[in-house]
Amino acid sequence: MFALPGRLTRENALVCMDQGALALAQTNTAEFLIDGQALTQFDSAALAVLVELRRKAAAAGKKLVLLHVQPRLLELATLYGVSKMLGLASNDVNLGQ
């Protein structure tokens, strides 16, 4: 499982993407789990990271699964039109409280 940092903005998006890609490469299951529980500060770069990690997971034959998604991230993903792509449809998401 890959845990997102507490802060994910354009300043650290590339580092986070690299860390996520490394975690994906080390995943031995059909699902690549990403834990968003710690993520409290983010901007649209967080969505870019998640979309790219989803693309990489699909290329590796794995399904990206987001856990403990903060409601604000779900709102941002909906606003940008990527919520379904990221598996964040209302009945698919595990919202963090």
C-alpha atoms as a PDB file:
ATOM      1  CA  MET A   1       0.000   0.000   0.000  1.00  0.00           C
ATOM      2  CA  PHE A   2       1.189   3.476  -0.874  1.00  0.00           C
ATOM      3  CA  ALA A   3       0.305   6.244   1.575  1.00  0.00           C
ATOM      4  CA  LEU A   4      -0.114   9.747   0.238  1.00  0.00           C
ATOM      5  CA  PRO A   5       1.687  12.455   2.208  1.00  0.00           C
ATOM      6  CA  GLY A   6      -0.139  15.013   4.324  1.00  0.00           C
ATOM      7  CA  ARG A   7       0.549  17.691   1.737  1.00  0.00           C
ATOM      8  CA  LEU A   8       0.456  17.098  -2.015  1.00  0.00           C
ATOM      9  CA  THR A   9       0.797  20.174  -4.205  1.00  0.00           C
ATOM     10  CA  ARG A  10       2.737  21.101  -7.314  1.00  0.00           C
ATOM     11  CA  GLU A  11       5.850  21.576  -5.178  1.00  0.00           C
ATOM     12  CA  ASN A  12       6.121  17.890  -4.253  1.00  0.00           C
ATOM     13  CA  ALA A  13       3.978  16.217  -6.932  1.00  0.00           C
ATOM     14  CA  LEU A  14       6.903  14.776  -8.916  1.00  0.00           C
ATOM     15  CA  VAL A  15       8.511  13.293  -5.815  1.00  0.00           C
ATOM     16  CA  CYS A  16       5.200  11.771  -4.770  1.00  0.00           C
ATOM     17  CA  MET A  17       4.632  10.373  -8.252  1.00  0.00           C
ATOM     18  CA  ASP A  18       8.089   8.790  -8.237  1.00  0.00           C
ATOM     19  CA  GLN A  19       7.456   7.260  -4.800  1.00  0.00           C
ATOM     20  CA  GLY A  20       4.084   5.983  -5.952  1.00  0.00           C
ATOM     21  CA  ALA A  21       5.574   4.451  -9.104  1.00  0.00           C
ATOM     22  CA  LEU A  22       8.182   2.687  -6.977  1.00  0.00           C
ATOM     23  CA  ALA A  23       5.483   1.347  -4.653  1.00  0.00           C
ATOM     24  CA  LEU A  24       3.499   0.182  -7.673  1.00  0.00           C
ATOM     25  CA  ALA A  25       6.515  -1.676  -9.049  1.00  0.00           C
ATOM     26  CA  GLN A  26       6.840  -3.470  -5.710  1.00  0.00           C
ATOM     27  CA  THR A  27       3.154  -4.464  -5.575  1.00  0.00           C
ATOM     28  CA  ASN A  28       2.572  -8.185  -6.021  1.00  0.00           C
ATOM     29  CA  THR A  29      -1.227  -8.078  -6.067  1.00  0.00           C
ATOM     30  CA  ALA A  30      -3.827  -7.260  -8.713  1.00  0.00           C
ATOM     31  CA  GLU A  31      -4.771  -4.083  -6.844  1.00  0.00           C
ATOM     32  CA  PHE A  32      -2.551  -1.088  -6.160  1.00  0.00           C
ATOM     33  CA  LEU A  33      -3.860   0.398  -2.921  1.00  0.00           C
ATOM     34  CA  ILE A  34      -3.356   4.081  -2.168  1.00  0.00           C
ATOM     35  CA  ASP A  35      -4.186   5.384   1.297  1.00  0.00           C
ATOM     36  CA  GLY A  36      -5.296   9.017   1.346  1.00  0.00           C
ATOM     37  CA  GLN A  37      -5.965   9.289   5.067  1.00  0.00           C
ATOM     38  CA  ALA A  38      -3.042  11.629   5.822  1.00  0.00           C
ATOM     39  CA  LEU A  39      -3.724  13.903   2.855  1.00  0.00           C
ATOM     40  CA  THR A  40      -5.119  17.159   4.220  1.00  0.00           C
ATOM     41  CA  GLN A  41      -3.441  19.836   2.065  1.00  0.00           C
ATOM     42  CA  PHE A  42      -3.607  19.447  -1.700  1.00  0.00           C
ATOM     43  CA  ASP A  43      -4.313  21.137  -4.984  1.00  0.00           C
ATOM     44  CA  SER A  44      -5.059  19.898  -8.486  1.00  0.00           C
ATOM     45  CA  ALA A  45      -1.549  18.416  -8.674  1.00  0.00           C
ATOM     46  CA  ALA A  46      -2.801  15.673  -6.347  1.00  0.00           C
ATOM     47  CA  LEU A  47      -5.315  14.686  -9.003  1.00  0.00           C
ATOM     48  CA  ALA A  48      -2.599  14.705 -11.662  1.00  0.00           C
ATOM     49  CA  VAL A  49      -0.518  12.341  -9.523  1.00  0.00           C
ATOM     50  CA  LEU A  50      -3.466  10.001  -8.986  1.00  0.00           C
ATOM     51  CA  VAL A  51      -4.413   9.999 -12.668  1.00  0.00           C
ATOM     52  CA  GLU A  52      -0.815   9.200 -13.656  1.00  0.00           C
ATOM     53  CA  LEU A  53      -0.542   6.441 -11.050  1.00  0.00           C
ATOM     54  CA  ARG A  54      -3.828   5.016 -12.338  1.00  0.00           C
ATOM     55  CA  ARG A  55      -2.382   5.018 -15.864  1.00  0.00           C
ATOM     56  CA  LYS A  56       0.794   3.292 -14.668  1.00  0.00           C
ATOM     57  CA  ALA A  57      -1.226   0.746 -12.681  1.00  0.00           C
ATOM     58  CA  ALA A  58      -3.385  -0.061 -15.705  1.00  0.00           C
ATOM     59  CA  ALA A  59      -0.278  -0.469 -17.859  1.00  0.00           C
ATOM     60  CA  ALA A  60       1.017  -2.944 -15.281  1.00  0.00           C
ATOM     61  CA  GLY A  61      -2.297  -4.840 -15.335  1.00  0.00           C
ATOM     62  CA  LYS A  62      -3.336  -3.621 -11.888  1.00  0.00           C
ATOM     63  CA  LYS A  63      -6.392  -1.802 -10.598  1.00  0.00           C
ATOM     64  CA  LEU A  64      -5.815   1.387  -8.614  1.00  0.00           C
ATOM     65  CA  VAL A  65      -7.884   1.480  -5.405  1.00  0.00           C
ATOM     66  CA  LEU A  66      -8.080   4.637  -3.303  1.00  0.00           C
ATOM     67  CA  LEU A  67      -8.776   4.260   0.404  1.00  0.00           C
ATOM     68  CA  HIS A  68      -9.697   6.844   3.037  1.00  0.00           C
ATOM     69  CA  VAL A  69     -10.315   9.586   0.509  1.00  0.00           C
ATOM     70  CA  GLN A  70     -10.895  12.981   2.049  1.00  0.00           C
ATOM     71  CA  PRO A  71     -14.278  14.470   1.064  1.00  0.00           C
ATOM     72  CA  ARG A  72     -12.574  17.608  -0.304  1.00  0.00           C
ATOM     73  CA  LEU A  73     -10.478  15.460  -2.653  1.00  0.00           C
ATOM     74  CA  LEU A  74     -13.630  13.763  -3.883  1.00  0.00           C
ATOM     75  CA  GLU A  75     -15.178  17.199  -4.495  1.00  0.00           C
ATOM     76  CA  LEU A  76     -12.104  18.342  -6.437  1.00  0.00           C
ATOM     77  CA  ALA A  77     -12.048  15.138  -8.497  1.00  0.00           C
ATOM     78  CA  THR A  78     -15.733  15.621  -9.310  1.00  0.00           C
ATOM     79  CA  LEU A  79     -15.133  19.250 -10.278  1.00  0.00           C
ATOM     80  CA  TYR A  80     -12.321  18.217 -12.649  1.00  0.00           C
ATOM     81  CA  GLY A  81     -14.338  15.321 -14.057  1.00  0.00           C
ATOM     82  CA  VAL A  82     -11.971  12.538 -12.988  1.00  0.00           C
ATOM     83  CA  SER A  83     -13.895  11.011 -10.074  1.00  0.00           C
ATOM     84  CA  LYS A  84     -15.204   8.041 -12.081  1.00  0.00           C
ATOM     85  CA  MET A  85     -11.807   7.455 -13.695  1.00  0.00           C
ATOM     86  CA  LEU A  86     -10.253   7.244 -10.238  1.00  0.00           C
ATOM     87  CA  GLY A  87     -12.961   4.937  -8.917  1.00  0.00           C
ATOM     88  CA  LEU A  88     -14.401   7.667  -6.731  1.00  0.00           C
ATOM     89  CA  ALA A  89     -18.040   7.255  -7.723  1.00  0.00           C
ATOM     90  CA  SER A  90     -20.169   7.764  -4.629  1.00  0.00           C
ATOM     91  CA  ASN A  91     -20.768   4.069  -3.979  1.00  0.00           C
ATOM     92  CA  ASP A  92     -17.177   3.036  -4.760  1.00  0.00           C
ATOM     93  CA  VAL A  93     -15.337   5.360  -2.412  1.00  0.00           C
ATOM     94  CA  ASN A  94     -14.094   4.726   1.099  1.00  0.00           C
ATOM     95  CA  LEU A  95     -14.327   8.217   2.567  1.00  0.00           C
ATOM     96  CA  GLY A  96     -12.058   9.200   5.398  1.00  0.00           C
ATOM     97  CA  GLN A  97     -13.751  10.974   8.256  1.00  0.00           C
END
